[in-house]
Every structure is written in structure tokens, then in C-alpha cells.
Amino acid sequence: MNKYEVIIYWSKEDQAFIAEVPELSGCVADGETYRDALANVETIIQEWIETAKDLGRSIPEPKGRLVYA
């Protein structure tokens, strides 16, 4: 289970829920429902971390609640 903050909101333009992880640049997923978006972003977080490791990039430590929202 990840400990990164996830922000989920409805996108009228996309007609989908969007889940963003502010601490992981570009880590975003969508879904037809709130739960779908959350499940999808969990997968994307793992892929983001695996890709960063493969590329030798640093992986930010989760900071918990942020001041983005």
C-alpha cells in the first residue's frame, strides 16, 4: 500500500474521475467511478516507482498530507 497523497476530482471535460499524485510528477490516472480512479492510480504509482528505479532516478519519500488542495 502506498502512502502518497492522492487527489481525486471529477473532470467534466473528460467525463471521468481523475486521480493525481502530486509528489510523483506526472502520476495520474482516471476512472469511470471514484473507486476505479483510485484503483487505477494505485497501479500507476507502482509503475511510476518501478520506472524511476529502472532509470536510476530518486523516488520521493511520501510526506503525507500536503498543501496542494
C-alpha atoms as a PDB file:
ATOM      1  CA  MET A   1       0.000   0.000   0.000  1.00  0.00           C
ATOM      2  CA  ASN A   2       1.333   3.396  -0.933  1.00  0.00           C
ATOM      3  CA  LYS A   3       1.439   6.325   1.449  1.00  0.00           C
ATOM      4  CA  TYR A   4       1.374   9.088  -1.139  1.00  0.00           C
ATOM      5  CA  GLU A   5      -1.361  11.675  -1.082  1.00  0.00           C
ATOM      6  CA  VAL A   6      -3.922  11.149  -3.863  1.00  0.00           C
ATOM      7  CA  ILE A   7      -6.239  13.920  -5.027  1.00  0.00           C
ATOM      8  CA  ILE A   8      -9.385  12.730  -6.814  1.00  0.00           C
ATOM      9  CA  TYR A   9     -11.793  15.008  -8.650  1.00  0.00           C
ATOM     10  CA  TRP A  10     -14.433  14.880 -11.373  1.00  0.00           C
ATOM     11  CA  SER A  11     -13.381  16.155 -14.814  1.00  0.00           C
ATOM     12  CA  LYS A  12     -16.350  17.401 -16.789  1.00  0.00           C
ATOM     13  CA  GLU A  13     -14.140  17.657 -19.886  1.00  0.00           C
ATOM     14  CA  ASP A  14     -13.040  14.017 -19.660  1.00  0.00           C
ATOM     15  CA  GLN A  15     -16.298  12.751 -18.140  1.00  0.00           C
ATOM     16  CA  ALA A  16     -14.231  10.752 -15.663  1.00  0.00           C
ATOM     17  CA  PHE A  17     -12.778  10.898 -12.190  1.00  0.00           C
ATOM     18  CA  ILE A  18      -9.116  11.943 -12.205  1.00  0.00           C
ATOM     19  CA  ALA A  19      -6.655  10.774  -9.538  1.00  0.00           C
ATOM     20  CA  GLU A  20      -3.402  12.715  -9.203  1.00  0.00           C
ATOM     21  CA  VAL A  21      -0.358  12.057  -7.008  1.00  0.00           C
ATOM     22  CA  PRO A  22       1.264  15.490  -6.520  1.00  0.00           C
ATOM     23  CA  GLU A  23       4.507  14.089  -5.085  1.00  0.00           C
ATOM     24  CA  LEU A  24       5.146  11.920  -8.173  1.00  0.00           C
ATOM     25  CA  SER A  25       5.397  14.162 -11.207  1.00  0.00           C
ATOM     26  CA  GLY A  26       3.044  13.073 -13.977  1.00  0.00           C
ATOM     27  CA  CYS A  27       1.477  10.287 -11.906  1.00  0.00           C
ATOM     28  CA  VAL A  28      -2.185  10.492 -12.931  1.00  0.00           C
ATOM     29  CA  ALA A  29      -4.965   8.004 -13.652  1.00  0.00           C
ATOM     30  CA  ASP A  30      -8.664   8.150 -14.408  1.00  0.00           C
ATOM     31  CA  GLY A  31     -11.746   6.006 -13.994  1.00  0.00           C
ATOM     32  CA  GLU A  32     -15.480   5.912 -14.560  1.00  0.00           C
ATOM     33  CA  THR A  33     -16.031   5.918 -10.800  1.00  0.00           C
ATOM     34  CA  TYR A  34     -14.156   7.340  -7.827  1.00  0.00           C
ATOM     35  CA  ARG A  35     -13.097   3.824  -6.822  1.00  0.00           C
ATOM     36  CA  ASP A  36     -11.959   2.972 -10.353  1.00  0.00           C
ATOM     37  CA  ALA A  37      -9.771   6.076 -10.418  1.00  0.00           C
ATOM     38  CA  LEU A  38      -8.264   5.180  -7.045  1.00  0.00           C
ATOM     39  CA  ALA A  39      -7.594   1.565  -8.073  1.00  0.00           C
ATOM     40  CA  ASN A  40      -6.050   2.702 -11.358  1.00  0.00           C
ATOM     41  CA  VAL A  41      -3.768   5.240  -9.696  1.00  0.00           C
ATOM     42  CA  GLU A  42      -2.521   2.565  -7.280  1.00  0.00           C
ATOM     43  CA  THR A  43      -1.286   0.619 -10.312  1.00  0.00           C
ATOM     44  CA  ILE A  44       0.222   3.745 -11.863  1.00  0.00           C
ATOM     45  CA  ILE A  45       2.068   4.573  -8.617  1.00  0.00           C
ATOM     46  CA  GLN A  46       3.734   1.156  -8.655  1.00  0.00           C
ATOM     47  CA  GLU A  47       4.645   1.540 -12.331  1.00  0.00           C
ATOM     48  CA  TRP A  48       5.983   5.063 -11.683  1.00  0.00           C
ATOM     49  CA  ILE A  49       8.213   3.759  -8.879  1.00  0.00           C
ATOM     50  CA  GLU A  50       9.438   0.778 -10.934  1.00  0.00           C
ATOM     51  CA  THR A  51      10.264   3.043 -13.885  1.00  0.00           C
ATOM     52  CA  ALA A  52      12.122   5.511 -11.653  1.00  0.00           C
ATOM     53  CA  LYS A  53      14.187   2.642 -10.206  1.00  0.00           C
ATOM     54  CA  ASP A  54      14.959   1.292 -13.690  1.00  0.00           C
ATOM     55  CA  LEU A  55      16.131   4.754 -14.771  1.00  0.00           C
ATOM     56  CA  GLY A  56      18.176   5.304 -11.606  1.00  0.00           C
ATOM     57  CA  ARG A  57      16.044   8.271 -10.529  1.00  0.00           C
ATOM     58  CA  SER A  58      15.282   9.189  -6.959  1.00  0.00           C
ATOM     59  CA  ILE A  59      11.916   8.294  -5.505  1.00  0.00           C
ATOM     60  CA  PRO A  60      10.432  10.911  -3.186  1.00  0.00           C
ATOM     61  CA  GLU A  61       9.500   9.803   0.320  1.00  0.00           C
ATOM     62  CA  PRO A  62       5.770  10.178   0.991  1.00  0.00           C
ATOM     63  CA  LYS A  63       5.173  13.300   3.052  1.00  0.00           C
ATOM     64  CA  GLY A  64       1.535  12.685   3.848  1.00  0.00           C
ATOM     65  CA  ARG A  65      -0.966  15.499   3.722  1.00  0.00           C
ATOM     66  CA  LEU A  66       0.255  18.306   1.508  1.00  0.00           C
ATOM     67  CA  VAL A  67      -0.952  21.820   0.858  1.00  0.00           C
ATOM     68  CA  TYR A  68      -1.860  21.319  -2.814  1.00  0.00           C
ATOM     69  CA  ALA A  69      -5.625  21.171  -2.464  1.00  0.00           C
END
